[in-house]
Amino acid sequence: MTKFTPFLFGLVFFLFSCNQDNLPTNLTEERELNIVHVTQHDGAPFSTEAPGDAVTTRTFASGPGGGVMMQAFYWDPPAGGVWWDTIQSKLEAWSSAGIESVWLPPASKAQGGATSMGYDPTDYFDLGEYNQNGSVETRFGSKTELVGLINEAHAQNMKVYADIVINHNSGGQLENNQYTGTQTWTDFTQVASGKFLRTQHDFHANWVHANDDGYFGGFPDLCHEVPFVQDWLWKRADGVGKYYKNTIGFDGWRFDYVKGFAPWVVREWNSNVGGFSVGELWDGNVD
């Protein structure tokens, strides 16, 4: 038996080597059998049923914050007022794929007019219907197109969340500021909608605060302790929050730059207006 030992060892080594050589190929083939080619997918929800199985009806997670949310924009999408229509054209396919909600960029007219991404808001009630800041439509389109998008989303059983910027404003006129002793861009009494006419008294620094902890990018910073500001942002039936929710049709909010104001502001908004909400917080302190 001794003389056959090298032969048996060699045979085992040979077979083991062959199996090892074939292993990557087999794994590759297995992966190819199991892979879903998303680029060729028809947009329908994925199924785990084998061919011929009875089809099981499924529903996606529902309720505020449930399911998958689509961020329906990126920085500097095509200008020219076509974006709302572009998003609306995709809603049916997104809904079929299991997307349950969409997050839209700031919808109101900003200082940059037709080129602005909306994070420099001037007139919260101009959603693309007044000729100010160099344009009628916003970068994304008109008020009519926005409402059409939201209505279509609701028809597809999808929620729509607004990116809401309530920390700061931009695009006001110069006025002599009694609190700073300088001229500041805090006169918003000429906005085209004629609503939420802010002045120096509604921004930091003012009669409430001598300083401004929430200062951002040089923009005039709203003071949320001022009753007039609270009324127009979340208390009034025709104020910003309730107008966006009850008239325009938004279902919730992504609050921009929540680091710039106290947590009670979001609590009061949610208590008075309602809807799903999430805040954006950028901070270098991980603790």
C-alpha atoms as a PDB file:
ATOM      1  CA  MET A   1       0.000   0.000   0.000  1.00  0.00           C
ATOM      2  CA  THR A   2       2.901   2.266   0.610  1.00  0.00           C
ATOM      3  CA  LYS A   3       3.848   2.520  -3.036  1.00  0.00           C
ATOM      4  CA  PHE A   4       0.369   3.853  -3.931  1.00  0.00           C
ATOM      5  CA  THR A   5       0.485   6.703  -1.403  1.00  0.00           C
ATOM      6  CA  PRO A   6       2.156   9.282  -3.709  1.00  0.00           C
ATOM      7  CA  PHE A   7      -0.270   8.375  -6.485  1.00  0.00           C
ATOM      8  CA  LEU A   8      -3.331   8.807  -4.255  1.00  0.00           C
ATOM      9  CA  PHE A   9      -1.994  12.078  -2.871  1.00  0.00           C
ATOM     10  CA  GLY A  10      -1.413  13.375  -6.374  1.00  0.00           C
ATOM     11  CA  LEU A  11      -4.904  12.354  -7.492  1.00  0.00           C
ATOM     12  CA  VAL A  12      -6.525  14.112  -4.541  1.00  0.00           C
ATOM     13  CA  PHE A  13      -4.432  17.244  -5.150  1.00  0.00           C
ATOM     14  CA  PHE A  14      -5.386  17.187  -8.843  1.00  0.00           C
ATOM     15  CA  LEU A  15      -9.112  16.883  -8.105  1.00  0.00           C
ATOM     16  CA  PHE A  16      -8.935  19.601  -5.441  1.00  0.00           C
ATOM     17  CA  SER A  17      -7.132  21.904  -7.855  1.00  0.00           C
ATOM     18  CA  CYS A  18      -9.760  21.298 -10.531  1.00  0.00           C
ATOM     19  CA  ASN A  19     -12.565  22.090  -8.108  1.00  0.00           C
ATOM     20  CA  GLN A  20     -10.826  25.276  -6.999  1.00  0.00           C
ATOM     21  CA  ASP A  21     -10.339  26.319 -10.612  1.00  0.00           C
ATOM     22  CA  ASN A  22     -14.011  25.782 -11.354  1.00  0.00           C
ATOM     23  CA  LEU A  23     -15.248  27.564  -8.228  1.00  0.00           C
ATOM     24  CA  PRO A  24     -15.071  31.181  -9.491  1.00  0.00           C
ATOM     25  CA  THR A  25     -16.869  30.190 -12.673  1.00  0.00           C
ATOM     26  CA  ASN A  26     -19.647  28.466 -10.744  1.00  0.00           C
ATOM     27  CA  LEU A  27     -20.054  31.424  -8.392  1.00  0.00           C
ATOM     28  CA  THR A  28     -20.107  33.818 -11.306  1.00  0.00           C
ATOM     29  CA  GLU A  29     -22.761  31.761 -13.049  1.00  0.00           C
ATOM     30  CA  GLU A  30     -24.800  31.597  -9.848  1.00  0.00           C
ATOM     31  CA  ARG A  31     -24.601  35.342  -9.414  1.00  0.00           C
ATOM     32  CA  GLU A  32     -25.661  35.871 -13.016  1.00  0.00           C
ATOM     33  CA  LEU A  33     -28.669  33.629 -12.473  1.00  0.00           C
ATOM     34  CA  ASN A  34     -29.743  35.579  -9.389  1.00  0.00           C
ATOM     35  CA  ILE A  35     -28.905  39.143 -10.440  1.00  0.00           C
ATOM     36  CA  VAL A  36     -31.701  41.581 -11.268  1.00  0.00           C
ATOM     37  CA  HIS A  37     -30.823  43.696 -14.280  1.00  0.00           C
ATOM     38  CA  VAL A  38     -32.319  46.950 -13.048  1.00  0.00           C
ATOM     39  CA  THR A  39     -31.542  48.764 -16.286  1.00  0.00           C
ATOM     40  CA  GLN A  40     -33.938  46.394 -18.046  1.00  0.00           C
ATOM     41  CA  HIS A  41     -36.572  46.436 -15.291  1.00  0.00           C
ATOM     42  CA  ASP A  42     -40.078  47.529 -16.316  1.00  0.00           C
ATOM     43  CA  GLY A  43     -40.681  49.583 -13.171  1.00  0.00           C
ATOM     44  CA  ALA A  44     -43.047  47.099 -11.515  1.00  0.00           C
ATOM     45  CA  PRO A  45     -42.384  46.045  -7.904  1.00  0.00           C
ATOM     46  CA  PHE A  46     -39.881  43.190  -7.591  1.00  0.00           C
ATOM     47  CA  SER A  47     -41.393  39.747  -6.831  1.00  0.00           C
ATOM     48  CA  THR A  48     -39.984  36.688  -5.068  1.00  0.00           C
ATOM     49  CA  GLU A  49     -42.566  34.317  -6.553  1.00  0.00           C
ATOM     50  CA  ALA A  50     -41.388  31.612  -8.910  1.00  0.00           C
ATOM     51  CA  PRO A  51     -42.940  31.540 -12.385  1.00  0.00           C
ATOM     52  CA  GLY A  52     -46.367  29.949 -12.225  1.00  0.00           C
ATOM     53  CA  ASP A  53     -46.956  30.730  -8.548  1.00  0.00           C
ATOM     54  CA  ALA A  54     -50.164  32.465  -7.574  1.00  0.00           C
ATOM     55  CA  VAL A  55     -49.637  36.231  -7.450  1.00  0.00           C
ATOM     56  CA  THR A  56     -49.720  37.644  -3.931  1.00  0.00           C
ATOM     57  CA  THR A  57     -51.075  41.160  -3.553  1.00  0.00           C
ATOM     58  CA  ARG A  58     -48.681  43.429  -1.655  1.00  0.00           C
ATOM     59  CA  THR A  59     -48.886  46.937  -0.296  1.00  0.00           C
ATOM     60  CA  PHE A  60     -45.926  49.154   0.467  1.00  0.00           C
ATOM     61  CA  ALA A  61     -45.345  50.730   3.872  1.00  0.00           C
ATOM     62  CA  SER A  62     -47.699  53.625   4.441  1.00  0.00           C
ATOM     63  CA  GLY A  63     -48.163  56.528   6.792  1.00  0.00           C
ATOM     64  CA  PRO A  64     -46.003  59.569   7.529  1.00  0.00           C
ATOM     65  CA  GLY A  65     -42.391  58.720   6.874  1.00  0.00           C
ATOM     66  CA  GLY A  66     -43.157  55.181   5.685  1.00  0.00           C
ATOM     67  CA  GLY A  67     -41.784  53.572   2.549  1.00  0.00           C
ATOM     68  CA  VAL A  68     -39.123  55.012   0.284  1.00  0.00           C
ATOM     69  CA  MET A  69     -38.764  58.743  -0.364  1.00  0.00           C
ATOM     70  CA  MET A  70     -37.374  60.110  -3.619  1.00  0.00           C
ATOM     71  CA  GLN A  71     -35.285  63.279  -3.479  1.00  0.00           C
ATOM     72  CA  ALA A  72     -36.773  64.744  -6.634  1.00  0.00           C
ATOM     73  CA  PHE A  73     -34.027  67.255  -7.372  1.00  0.00           C
ATOM     74  CA  TYR A  74     -30.301  67.860  -7.218  1.00  0.00           C
ATOM     75  CA  TRP A  75     -28.216  71.009  -7.187  1.00  0.00           C
ATOM     76  CA  ASP A  76     -28.744  73.018 -10.378  1.00  0.00           C
ATOM     77  CA  PRO A  77     -31.218  70.872 -12.325  1.00  0.00           C
ATOM     78  CA  PRO A  78     -32.253  72.297 -15.714  1.00  0.00           C
ATOM     79  CA  ALA A  79     -33.582  75.849 -15.396  1.00  0.00           C
ATOM     80  CA  GLY A  80     -36.301  77.324 -17.564  1.00  0.00           C
ATOM     81  CA  GLY A  81     -39.339  76.343 -15.510  1.00  0.00           C
ATOM     82  CA  VAL A  82     -39.515  72.729 -16.701  1.00  0.00           C
ATOM     83  CA  TRP A  83     -38.691  70.832 -13.522  1.00  0.00           C
ATOM     84  CA  TRP A  84     -42.168  70.453 -12.015  1.00  0.00           C
ATOM     85  CA  ASP A  85     -43.427  69.003 -15.294  1.00  0.00           C
ATOM     86  CA  THR A  86     -40.392  66.720 -15.518  1.00  0.00           C
ATOM     87  CA  ILE A  87     -41.041  65.299 -12.055  1.00  0.00           C
ATOM     88  CA  GLN A  88     -44.756  64.911 -12.720  1.00  0.00           C
ATOM     89  CA  SER A  89     -44.005  62.809 -15.797  1.00  0.00           C
ATOM     90  CA  LYS A  90     -42.081  60.315 -13.634  1.00  0.00           C
ATOM     91  CA  LEU A  91     -44.543  59.875 -10.770  1.00  0.00           C
ATOM     92  CA  GLU A  92     -46.505  56.935 -12.153  1.00  0.00           C
ATOM     93  CA  ALA A  93     -43.340  54.921 -12.768  1.00  0.00           C
ATOM     94  CA  TRP A  94     -41.943  55.834  -9.349  1.00  0.00           C
ATOM     95  CA  SER A  95     -45.160  54.812  -7.641  1.00  0.00           C
ATOM     96  CA  SER A  96     -45.181  51.492  -9.498  1.00  0.00           C
ATOM     97  CA  ALA A  97     -41.605  50.904  -8.336  1.00  0.00           C
ATOM     98  CA  GLY A  98     -42.593  51.381  -4.695  1.00  0.00           C
ATOM     99  CA  ILE A  99     -41.621  55.021  -4.128  1.00  0.00           C
ATOM    100  CA  GLU A 100     -44.069  56.379  -1.588  1.00  0.00           C
ATOM    101  CA  SER A 101     -43.113  60.041  -1.253  1.00  0.00           C
ATOM    102  CA  VAL A 102     -41.182  62.782  -3.029  1.00  0.00           C
ATOM    103  CA  TRP A 103     -39.146  65.613  -1.552  1.00  0.00           C
ATOM    104  CA  LEU A 104     -39.280  68.809  -3.609  1.00  0.00           C
ATOM    105  CA  PRO A 105     -36.866  71.775  -3.509  1.00  0.00           C
ATOM    106  CA  PRO A 106     -37.988  75.118  -2.008  1.00  0.00           C
ATOM    107  CA  ALA A 107     -40.965  76.170  -4.095  1.00  0.00           C
ATOM    108  CA  SER A 108     -41.256  79.908  -3.447  1.00  0.00           C
ATOM    109  CA  LYS A 109     -39.713  82.834  -5.307  1.00  0.00           C
ATOM    110  CA  ALA A 110     -36.190  83.562  -4.134  1.00  0.00           C
ATOM    111  CA  GLN A 111     -33.779  86.427  -4.700  1.00  0.00           C
ATOM    112  CA  GLY A 112     -32.128  84.624  -7.611  1.00  0.00           C
ATOM    113  CA  GLY A 113     -35.423  84.409  -9.484  1.00  0.00           C
ATOM    114  CA  ALA A 114     -35.383  81.962 -12.382  1.00  0.00           C
ATOM    115  CA  THR A 115     -31.879  80.708 -11.538  1.00  0.00           C
ATOM    116  CA  SER A 116     -32.253  80.217  -7.780  1.00  0.00           C
ATOM    117  CA  MET A 117     -32.494  76.838  -6.077  1.00  0.00           C
ATOM    118  CA  GLY A 118     -34.866  78.489  -3.606  1.00  0.00           C
ATOM    119  CA  TYR A 119     -32.716  78.653  -0.490  1.00  0.00           C
ATOM    120  CA  ASP A 120     -32.713  82.476  -0.538  1.00  0.00           C
ATOM    121  CA  PRO A 121     -36.486  83.036  -0.126  1.00  0.00           C
ATOM    122  CA  THR A 122     -38.037  86.433  -0.764  1.00  0.00           C
ATOM    123  CA  ASP A 123     -41.793  85.873  -1.040  1.00  0.00           C
ATOM    124  CA  TYR A 124     -43.207  82.674   0.492  1.00  0.00           C
ATOM    125  CA  PHE A 125     -46.514  83.201  -1.307  1.00  0.00           C
ATOM    126  CA  ASP A 126     -45.050  83.576  -4.791  1.00  0.00           C
ATOM    127  CA  LEU A 127     -44.876  80.002  -6.062  1.00  0.00           C
ATOM    128  CA  GLY A 128     -44.297  81.113  -9.632  1.00  0.00           C
ATOM    129  CA  GLU A 129     -47.142  83.515 -10.410  1.00  0.00           C
ATOM    130  CA  TYR A 130     -45.800  87.036  -9.797  1.00  0.00           C
ATOM    131  CA  ASN A 131     -43.280  89.012 -11.820  1.00  0.00           C
ATOM    132  CA  GLN A 132     -40.576  89.768  -9.280  1.00  0.00           C
ATOM    133  CA  ASN A 133     -36.847  89.156  -8.905  1.00  0.00           C
ATOM    134  CA  GLY A 134     -36.578  89.034 -12.690  1.00  0.00           C
ATOM    135  CA  SER A 135     -39.059  86.258 -13.439  1.00  0.00           C
ATOM    136  CA  VAL A 136     -42.618  85.031 -13.095  1.00  0.00           C
ATOM    137  CA  GLU A 137     -41.908  81.317 -12.780  1.00  0.00           C
ATOM    138  CA  THR A 138     -39.384  79.973 -10.318  1.00  0.00           C
ATOM    139  CA  ARG A 139     -36.470  77.918 -11.589  1.00  0.00           C
ATOM    140  CA  PHE A 140     -38.737  74.882 -11.366  1.00  0.00           C
ATOM    141  CA  GLY A 141     -41.917  76.214 -12.950  1.00  0.00           C
ATOM    142  CA  SER A 142     -45.239  77.880 -12.179  1.00  0.00           C
ATOM    143  CA  LYS A 143     -47.660  77.558  -9.295  1.00  0.00           C
ATOM    144  CA  THR A 144     -50.108  75.803 -11.620  1.00  0.00           C
ATOM    145  CA  GLU A 145     -47.462  73.236 -12.570  1.00  0.00           C
ATOM    146  CA  LEU A 146     -46.522  72.697  -8.917  1.00  0.00           C
ATOM    147  CA  VAL A 147     -50.133  72.059  -7.912  1.00  0.00           C
ATOM    148  CA  GLY A 148     -50.521  69.730 -10.891  1.00  0.00           C
ATOM    149  CA  LEU A 149     -47.471  67.756  -9.751  1.00  0.00           C
ATOM    150  CA  ILE A 150     -48.814  67.440  -6.207  1.00  0.00           C
ATOM    151  CA  ASN A 151     -52.273  66.409  -7.405  1.00  0.00           C
ATOM    152  CA  GLU A 152     -50.765  63.730  -9.636  1.00  0.00           C
ATOM    153  CA  ALA A 153     -48.600  62.470  -6.770  1.00  0.00           C
ATOM    154  CA  HIS A 154     -51.673  62.125  -4.582  1.00  0.00           C
ATOM    155  CA  ALA A 155     -53.473  60.308  -7.393  1.00  0.00           C
ATOM    156  CA  GLN A 156     -50.542  57.864  -7.359  1.00  0.00           C
ATOM    157  CA  ASN A 157     -50.889  57.451  -3.566  1.00  0.00           C
ATOM    158  CA  MET A 158     -47.675  59.367  -2.936  1.00  0.00           C
ATOM    159  CA  LYS A 159     -46.895  62.037  -0.352  1.00  0.00           C
ATOM    160  CA  VAL A 160     -45.142  65.296  -1.250  1.00  0.00           C
ATOM    161  CA  TYR A 161     -42.738  66.989   1.156  1.00  0.00           C
ATOM    162  CA  ALA A 162     -41.696  70.632   0.862  1.00  0.00           C
ATOM    163  CA  ASP A 163     -38.191  71.866   1.545  1.00  0.00           C
ATOM    164  CA  ILE A 164     -39.031  74.806   3.791  1.00  0.00           C
ATOM    165  CA  VAL A 165     -36.555  77.614   4.551  1.00  0.00           C
ATOM    166  CA  ILE A 166     -37.636  79.593   7.613  1.00  0.00           C
ATOM    167  CA  ASN A 167     -34.271  80.502   9.138  1.00  0.00           C
ATOM    168  CA  HIS A 168     -33.404  83.366   6.808  1.00  0.00           C
ATOM    169  CA  ASN A 169     -34.673  85.511   3.941  1.00  0.00           C
ATOM    170  CA  SER A 170     -33.079  87.323   1.015  1.00  0.00           C
ATOM    171  CA  GLY A 171     -34.037  89.903  -1.587  1.00  0.00           C
ATOM    172  CA  GLY A 172     -35.400  92.630   0.671  1.00  0.00           C
ATOM    173  CA  GLN A 173     -34.784  96.355   0.282  1.00  0.00           C
ATOM    174  CA  LEU A 174     -32.379  98.519   2.260  1.00  0.00           C
ATOM    175  CA  GLU A 175     -33.711 100.321   5.310  1.00  0.00           C
ATOM    176  CA  ASN A 176     -32.184 102.283   8.172  1.00  0.00           C
ATOM    177  CA  ASN A 177     -32.019  99.790  11.024  1.00  0.00           C
ATOM    178  CA  GLN A 178     -32.546 101.286  14.480  1.00  0.00           C
ATOM    179  CA  TYR A 179     -31.165  98.181  16.189  1.00  0.00           C
ATOM    180  CA  THR A 180     -27.856  97.971  14.344  1.00  0.00           C
ATOM    181  CA  GLY A 181     -27.320 101.624  13.503  1.00  0.00           C
ATOM    182  CA  THR A 182     -26.662 100.605   9.894  1.00  0.00           C
ATOM    183  CA  GLN A 183     -28.628  99.958   6.735  1.00  0.00           C
ATOM    184  CA  THR A 184     -29.836  96.374   6.372  1.00  0.00           C
ATOM    185  CA  TRP A 185     -31.654  94.423   3.640  1.00  0.00           C
ATOM    186  CA  THR A 186     -34.637  93.740   5.876  1.00  0.00           C
ATOM    187  CA  ASP A 187     -37.492  95.611   4.179  1.00  0.00           C
ATOM    188  CA  PHE A 188     -39.828  93.009   2.670  1.00  0.00           C
ATOM    189  CA  THR A 189     -42.901  95.251   2.565  1.00  0.00           C
ATOM    190  CA  GLN A 190     -42.938  95.362  -1.246  1.00  0.00           C
ATOM    191  CA  VAL A 191     -43.192  91.637  -1.990  1.00  0.00           C
ATOM    192  CA  ALA A 192     -45.586  90.989  -4.863  1.00  0.00           C
ATOM    193  CA  SER A 193     -47.979  88.725  -2.970  1.00  0.00           C
ATOM    194  CA  GLY A 194     -48.659  91.448  -0.409  1.00  0.00           C
ATOM    195  CA  LYS A 195     -48.374  88.916   2.425  1.00  0.00           C
ATOM    196  CA  PHE A 196     -45.965  88.507   5.353  1.00  0.00           C
ATOM    197  CA  LEU A 197     -44.571  92.029   5.025  1.00  0.00           C
ATOM    198  CA  ARG A 198     -41.430  91.886   7.156  1.00  0.00           C
ATOM    199  CA  THR A 199     -39.212  94.702   8.381  1.00  0.00           C
ATOM    200  CA  GLN A 200     -36.191  95.157  10.647  1.00  0.00           C
ATOM    201  CA  HIS A 201     -38.355  94.375  13.697  1.00  0.00           C
ATOM    202  CA  ASP A 202     -38.797  90.785  12.489  1.00  0.00           C
ATOM    203  CA  PHE A 203     -35.111  89.937  12.079  1.00  0.00           C
ATOM    204  CA  HIS A 204     -32.124  89.612  14.388  1.00  0.00           C
ATOM    205  CA  ALA A 205     -30.832  91.769  15.949  1.00  0.00           C
ATOM    206  CA  ASN A 206     -34.011  93.455  17.218  1.00  0.00           C
ATOM    207  CA  TRP A 207     -36.056  94.307  20.298  1.00  0.00           C
ATOM    208  CA  VAL A 208     -36.015  90.638  21.355  1.00  0.00           C
ATOM    209  CA  HIS A 209     -32.360  89.727  20.830  1.00  0.00           C
ATOM    210  CA  ALA A 210     -29.316  91.940  20.631  1.00  0.00           C
ATOM    211  CA  ASN A 211     -27.324  89.236  18.850  1.00  0.00           C
ATOM    212  CA  ASP A 212     -27.922  86.517  16.287  1.00  0.00           C
ATOM    213  CA  ASP A 213     -26.812  82.949  16.981  1.00  0.00           C
ATOM    214  CA  GLY A 214     -28.530  81.600  13.875  1.00  0.00           C
ATOM    215  CA  TYR A 215     -26.798  83.862  11.369  1.00  0.00           C
ATOM    216  CA  PHE A 216     -26.278  82.109   8.035  1.00  0.00           C
ATOM    217  CA  GLY A 217     -24.459  83.228   4.920  1.00  0.00           C
ATOM    218  CA  GLY A 218     -25.059  86.938   5.452  1.00  0.00           C
ATOM    219  CA  PHE A 219     -28.829  86.581   5.005  1.00  0.00           C
ATOM    220  CA  PRO A 220     -31.282  88.492   7.232  1.00  0.00           C
ATOM    221  CA  ASP A 221     -32.221  85.998   9.947  1.00  0.00           C
ATOM    222  CA  LEU A 222     -35.866  85.725  11.000  1.00  0.00           C
ATOM    223  CA  CYS A 223     -36.610  86.088  14.704  1.00  0.00           C
ATOM    224  CA  HIS A 224     -39.135  83.392  15.577  1.00  0.00           C
ATOM    225  CA  GLU A 225     -39.884  84.913  18.984  1.00  0.00           C
ATOM    226  CA  VAL A 226     -41.682  87.818  17.295  1.00  0.00           C
ATOM    227  CA  PRO A 227     -45.467  87.203  17.372  1.00  0.00           C
ATOM    228  CA  PHE A 228     -45.878  88.622  13.858  1.00  0.00           C
ATOM    229  CA  VAL A 229     -43.403  86.053  12.506  1.00  0.00           C
ATOM    230  CA  GLN A 230     -45.086  83.193  14.354  1.00  0.00           C
ATOM    231  CA  ASP A 231     -48.494  84.275  13.058  1.00  0.00           C
ATOM    232  CA  TRP A 232     -47.412  84.309   9.434  1.00  0.00           C
ATOM    233  CA  LEU A 233     -45.287  81.171   9.546  1.00  0.00           C
ATOM    234  CA  TRP A 234     -47.550  78.718  11.389  1.00  0.00           C
ATOM    235  CA  LYS A 235     -50.484  80.247  13.299  1.00  0.00           C
ATOM    236  CA  ARG A 236     -52.657  82.028  10.739  1.00  0.00           C
ATOM    237  CA  ALA A 237     -55.093  80.041   8.603  1.00  0.00           C
ATOM    238  CA  ASP A 238     -53.705  81.917   5.591  1.00  0.00           C
ATOM    239  CA  GLY A 239     -50.088  81.814   6.812  1.00  0.00           C
ATOM    240  CA  VAL A 240     -47.208  80.023   5.136  1.00  0.00           C
ATOM    241  CA  GLY A 241     -47.543  76.585   6.716  1.00  0.00           C
ATOM    242  CA  LYS A 242     -51.301  76.180   6.459  1.00  0.00           C
ATOM    243  CA  TYR A 243     -51.407  77.685   2.969  1.00  0.00           C
ATOM    244  CA  TYR A 244     -48.784  75.211   1.770  1.00  0.00           C
ATOM    245  CA  LYS A 245     -50.564  72.280   3.416  1.00  0.00           C
ATOM    246  CA  ASN A 246     -54.257  73.050   2.986  1.00  0.00           C
ATOM    247  CA  THR A 247     -54.266  74.964  -0.300  1.00  0.00           C
ATOM    248  CA  ILE A 248     -51.200  73.824  -2.235  1.00  0.00           C
ATOM    249  CA  GLY A 249     -51.350  70.265  -0.899  1.00  0.00           C
ATOM    250  CA  PHE A 250     -47.964  69.543   0.699  1.00  0.00           C
ATOM    251  CA  ASP A 251     -47.999  66.633   3.145  1.00  0.00           C
ATOM    252  CA  GLY A 252     -44.876  67.373   5.145  1.00  0.00           C
ATOM    253  CA  TRP A 253     -41.671  69.301   5.565  1.00  0.00           C
ATOM    254  CA  ARG A 254     -37.926  69.101   5.342  1.00  0.00           C
ATOM    255  CA  PHE A 255     -36.768  72.035   7.480  1.00  0.00           C
ATOM    256  CA  ASP A 256     -33.652  73.685   6.110  1.00  0.00           C
ATOM    257  CA  TYR A 257     -30.820  74.628   8.480  1.00  0.00           C
ATOM    258  CA  VAL A 258     -32.502  73.736  11.790  1.00  0.00           C
ATOM    259  CA  LYS A 259     -29.243  74.571  13.538  1.00  0.00           C
ATOM    260  CA  GLY A 260     -30.196  78.216  13.061  1.00  0.00           C
ATOM    261  CA  PHE A 261     -33.236  78.164  15.347  1.00  0.00           C
ATOM    262  CA  ALA A 262     -34.479  76.503  18.530  1.00  0.00           C
ATOM    263  CA  PRO A 263     -36.221  73.090  18.522  1.00  0.00           C
ATOM    264  CA  TRP A 264     -39.436  74.655  19.831  1.00  0.00           C
ATOM    265  CA  VAL A 265     -39.904  76.329  16.441  1.00  0.00           C
ATOM    266  CA  VAL A 266     -40.365  72.977  14.698  1.00  0.00           C
ATOM    267  CA  ARG A 267     -42.539  71.766  17.574  1.00  0.00           C
ATOM    268  CA  GLU A 268     -44.839  74.776  17.217  1.00  0.00           C
ATOM    269  CA  TRP A 269     -44.996  74.392  13.441  1.00  0.00           C
ATOM    270  CA  ASN A 270     -45.889  70.713  13.752  1.00  0.00           C
ATOM    271  CA  SER A 271     -48.452  71.406  16.469  1.00  0.00           C
ATOM    272  CA  ASN A 272     -50.180  74.130  14.460  1.00  0.00           C
ATOM    273  CA  VAL A 273     -49.729  72.905  10.891  1.00  0.00           C
ATOM    274  CA  GLY A 274     -49.119  69.160  11.131  1.00  0.00           C
ATOM    275  CA  GLY A 275     -47.614  66.790   8.598  1.00  0.00           C
ATOM    276  CA  PHE A 276     -44.484  64.665   8.447  1.00  0.00           C
ATOM    277  CA  SER A 277     -41.301  66.573   9.285  1.00  0.00           C
ATOM    278  CA  VAL A 278     -37.542  66.108   9.268  1.00  0.00           C
ATOM    279  CA  GLY A 279     -34.773  68.632   9.852  1.00  0.00           C
ATOM    280  CA  GLU A 280     -31.437  69.240   8.161  1.00  0.00           C
ATOM    281  CA  LEU A 281     -28.609  69.591  10.685  1.00  0.00           C
ATOM    282  CA  TRP A 282     -25.013  70.120   9.581  1.00  0.00           C
ATOM    283  CA  ASP A 283     -22.564  70.166  12.482  1.00  0.00           C
ATOM    284  CA  GLY A 284     -18.891  69.306  12.759  1.00  0.00           C
ATOM    285  CA  ASN A 285     -19.354  68.154  16.368  1.00  0.00           C
ATOM    286  CA  VAL A 286     -20.248  64.447  16.235  1.00  0.00           C
ATOM    287  CA  ASP A 287     -20.913  64.439  20.000  1.00  0.00           C
END
